[in-house]
Each structure stands twice: as structure tokens, then as C-alpha cells.
Protein backbone atom coordinates (compact mmCIF):
# COMPACT_ATOMS: atom_id res chain seq x y z
CA MET A 1 -2.96 24.54 55.97
CA THR A 2 -0.11 23.62 53.66
CA ARG A 3 2.16 26.33 52.40
CA THR A 4 4.01 26.02 49.13
CA ASN A 5 7.40 27.49 48.58
CA PRO A 6 7.16 30.29 45.93
CA THR A 7 10.78 29.70 44.92
CA ASN A 8 10.00 26.06 44.08
CA GLU A 9 6.94 27.11 42.03
CA ILE A 10 9.01 29.65 40.09
CA ASN A 11 11.72 27.05 39.46
CA GLU A 12 9.13 24.57 38.22
CA ILE A 13 7.60 27.18 35.86
CA ASN A 14 11.07 28.07 34.54
CA GLU A 15 11.84 24.37 33.94
CA ILE A 16 8.52 23.92 32.08
CA ASN A 17 9.26 27.02 29.94
CA GLU A 18 12.74 25.72 29.15
CA ILE A 19 11.31 22.32 28.18
CA ASN A 20 8.71 24.00 25.94
CA GLU A 21 11.41 26.13 24.25
CA ILE A 22 13.56 23.05 23.69
CA ASN A 23 10.55 21.17 22.22
CA GLU A 24 9.78 24.09 19.88
CA ILE A 25 13.41 24.24 18.73
CA ASN A 26 13.42 20.45 18.18
CA GLU A 27 10.20 20.68 16.12
CA ILE A 28 11.69 23.46 13.97
CA ASN A 29 14.90 21.44 13.52
CA GLU A 30 12.89 18.36 12.51
CA ILE A 31 10.96 20.40 9.91
CA ASN A 32 14.22 21.88 8.59
CA GLU A 33 15.80 18.37 8.39
CA ILE A 34 12.78 17.08 6.47
CA ASN A 35 13.07 20.01 4.05
CA GLU A 36 16.80 19.31 3.61
CA ILE A 37 16.14 15.61 2.98
CA ASN A 38 13.27 16.23 0.58
CA GLU A 39 14.90 17.44 -2.63
CA ASN A 40 11.50 18.59 -3.97
CA ALA A 41 10.96 20.93 -1.02
CA PRO A 42 11.49 24.63 -1.62
CA ALA A 43 14.79 26.07 -0.44
CA GLY A 44 14.93 27.76 2.95
CA PRO A 45 13.85 26.73 6.41
CA VAL A 46 10.31 26.95 7.68
CA VAL A 47 10.16 29.51 10.44
CA PRO A 48 7.57 29.67 13.24
CA GLY A 49 6.10 32.92 11.87
CA ASP A 50 5.29 31.14 8.61
CA LEU A 51 3.58 28.36 10.52
CA PHE A 52 1.58 30.88 12.52
CA ALA A 53 0.50 32.82 9.42
CA ARG A 54 -0.41 29.53 7.71
CA HIS A 55 -2.50 28.49 10.72
CA GLN A 56 -4.29 31.87 10.73
CA VAL A 57 -5.10 31.64 6.99
CA ILE A 58 -6.48 28.10 7.28
CA THR A 59 -8.49 28.98 10.39
CA GLY A 60 -9.85 32.07 8.66
CA LEU A 61 -10.91 30.05 5.61
CA ARG A 62 -12.75 27.56 7.82
CA GLU A 63 -14.44 30.39 9.74
CA LEU A 64 -15.48 32.03 6.49
CA ALA A 65 -16.91 28.76 5.14
CA ASP A 66 -18.80 28.17 8.42
CA PHE A 67 -20.15 31.74 8.37
CA LEU A 68 -21.32 31.50 4.76
CA GLU A 69 -22.95 28.13 5.41
CA ALA A 70 -24.74 29.46 8.50
CA ASN A 71 -25.88 32.65 6.69
CA PRO A 72 -27.38 31.70 3.32
CA GLY A 73 -28.56 35.29 2.79
CA VAL A 74 -24.99 36.51 2.44
CA PRO A 75 -24.05 36.61 -1.25
CA VAL A 76 -21.04 34.74 -2.63
CA PRO A 77 -19.34 35.04 -6.02
CA GLU A 78 -21.56 33.11 -8.44
CA TYR A 79 -18.59 31.57 -10.23
CA GLY A 80 -16.38 31.13 -7.19
CA ASP A 81 -13.04 32.73 -6.58
CA THR A 82 -9.32 32.08 -6.70
CA PHE A 83 -6.93 31.97 -3.75
CA ASP A 84 -3.74 33.49 -5.25
CA VAL A 85 -0.32 32.97 -3.68
CA PHE A 86 2.74 34.70 -5.11
CA ALA A 87 6.09 32.91 -4.91
CA ARG A 88 8.71 35.36 -3.63
CA GLN A 89 11.71 33.25 -2.79
CA GLY A 90 14.47 35.75 -3.47
CA ASP A 91 15.33 34.79 -7.04
CA ASP A 92 13.69 33.36 -10.15
CA THR A 93 15.18 29.87 -9.76
CA ARG A 94 13.97 29.39 -6.17
CA SER A 95 10.56 30.91 -6.90
CA ALA A 96 10.05 28.63 -9.91
CA ALA A 97 11.16 25.65 -7.78
CA LEU A 98 8.44 26.52 -5.25
CA VAL A 99 5.82 26.59 -8.03
CA ASP A 100 7.11 23.19 -9.26
CA HIS A 101 6.89 21.79 -5.74
CA VAL A 102 3.33 23.01 -5.16
CA ALA A 103 2.26 21.84 -8.63
CA ALA A 104 3.47 18.34 -7.72
CA LEU A 105 1.50 18.46 -4.47
CA LEU A 106 -1.58 19.67 -6.35
CA ASN A 107 -0.97 16.97 -9.00
CA VAL A 108 -1.28 19.53 -11.82
CA PRO A 109 1.04 20.66 -14.62
CA VAL A 110 2.87 23.99 -14.53
CA ASN A 111 1.73 26.66 -16.99
CA ASP A 112 4.92 28.37 -18.23
CA ASP A 113 4.20 31.63 -20.06
CA ARG A 114 7.67 33.07 -19.41
CA PRO A 115 8.85 32.73 -23.04
CA GLN A 116 5.98 35.09 -24.05
CA GLY A 117 6.79 37.52 -21.21
CA GLY A 118 4.26 36.01 -18.83
CA HIS A 119 4.22 34.18 -15.54
CA TYR A 120 5.07 30.70 -14.23
CA LYS A 121 2.04 29.27 -12.41
CA ALA A 122 0.07 26.24 -11.33
CA SER A 123 -3.55 26.04 -10.22
CA ARG A 124 -6.16 23.55 -9.15
CA SER A 125 -9.89 23.90 -8.76
CA PHE A 126 -11.76 22.74 -5.69
CA GLY A 127 -15.35 23.00 -6.83
CA ARG A 128 -15.91 26.65 -7.68
CA MET A 129 -12.86 27.69 -5.68
CA ALA A 130 -9.29 27.50 -6.95
CA TYR A 131 -5.79 27.64 -5.51
CA ARG A 132 -3.19 29.29 -7.76
CA ILE A 133 0.52 29.82 -7.11
CA VAL A 134 2.23 32.34 -9.36
CA HIS A 135 5.85 33.29 -9.95
CA ILE A 136 6.35 36.62 -11.69
CA PRO A 137 9.86 36.63 -13.21
CA ASP A 138 12.09 39.41 -11.97
CA ARG A 139 12.51 40.86 -15.47
CA ARG A 140 8.74 41.04 -15.98
CA ARG A 141 8.27 42.68 -12.55
CA ARG A 142 10.94 45.29 -13.35
CA GLU A 143 9.29 46.01 -16.74
CA HIS A 144 5.93 46.51 -15.03
CA GLU A 145 7.45 48.82 -12.40
CA ALA A 146 9.20 50.85 -15.12
CA ALA A 147 5.96 51.26 -17.08
CA ARG A 148 4.06 52.30 -13.93
CA SER A 149 6.77 54.81 -12.97
CA TYR A 150 5.35 57.23 -15.57
CA SER A 151 1.76 57.08 -14.31
CA ASP A 152 2.06 60.13 -12.05
CA ASN A 153 3.53 62.22 -14.89
CA ILE A 154 0.81 61.68 -17.48
CA ARG A 155 -2.67 63.18 -17.38
CA LEU A 156 -5.42 62.72 -19.89
CA ASP A 157 -6.41 65.69 -22.02
CA THR A 158 -9.21 67.69 -20.43
CA ASP A 159 -12.47 68.54 -22.10
CA PRO A 160 -12.26 72.26 -23.12
CA ASP A 161 -16.06 72.44 -23.17
CA ASN A 162 -16.30 71.42 -19.52
CA GLY A 163 -17.00 74.64 -17.61
CA ASP A 164 -16.11 73.02 -14.27
CA GLN A 165 -12.54 72.35 -15.40
CA ASP A 166 -9.90 74.59 -13.79
CA ALA A 167 -7.63 76.06 -16.44
CA SER A 168 -4.67 75.84 -14.06
CA GLU A 169 -4.77 72.03 -14.29
CA GLY A 170 -3.03 72.17 -17.66
CA THR A 171 -3.63 70.64 -21.04
CA GLY A 172 -3.20 67.00 -20.08
CA ARG A 173 0.25 66.71 -21.61
CA ALA A 174 3.12 65.13 -19.74
CA ALA A 175 4.05 67.07 -16.62
């Protein structure tokens, strides 16, 4: 019977773990170098969490497609659906650059509704499904948040003929 030395096994495992960590760091550095070289790439490094989330989304889409194909009795939207992604890159310039980059990859033009107070977006259809990337300008987002900030302070007028209405709820005027 041959005995192995546990210390040697632990050292081998530690060496393998160190090699794996070095390989992961090298892969991340290579991705970051590619992004730095590619002027069309969005600003900022790709981090492993982003890659993991991306992998989970793609895997989930494939699983959903397989499930729907295997279960024809499960209803689907008759006219398809849109996969929306919102560009949140820290500022308007970087977010718009991401939309430009994705539009180039999708080989579609950018739809710029910012001069009318709208969004900056690009989309492409894949059959009845679509991928859309949207940048909501900071000013527009702040305007929307300001308008919504009043929603808890305004109630609709109540129907005085409604016997179930509690009089203590007020008249529906601003609180």
C-alpha cells in the first residue's frame, strides 16, 4: 500500500489554485487591454462579475427558449417581446458612447430623441424578439424623479355618493 504525503498534496493544490488565479488575472488584463486598444469599446474595464452576470443571462435565455420549444402549450407573447438594456455608465457621454458601440455591433442606426426631451437608443429585431439599448439622459431622469416626487402627496377626489368611503380620508386635495 502506497501512502501519499498530505503536505505534498496540499502544496500541489495551492500551486494549482495560484496558477488558476494568475490565469484569471491574465484573462481580465487581456480583456482590459483589448478594450483600451479598441477605441469604439465603452469606457471602463470588464470585471468578472459582469462576465458572470452576462453568462447567466445568456444561459437563462437559452433555457427559456428550450423550455418554450419543449412545451408548446405554454403561451408566448403573440407579437414577441423586447429585451431592454439601460446604459448606466456614470455620465451622459459614456452612456451615449455605449449605445453607439452597441448600435455599431448590431449594425443599426441610433435613434436620438434627446433634442425633444427623449432617449438615446438603438434596437434590432431578431424575428419577433428585439434587443434594445437605451440611454436616458441625466436631465430627463431628474425631471422624471421630480415629477414622481409629488405622487404620494396627491390623491384623487373621492366620490361623495360612495357610502363605503371613509370621511376621514379627506377631500382628495393635496396633502
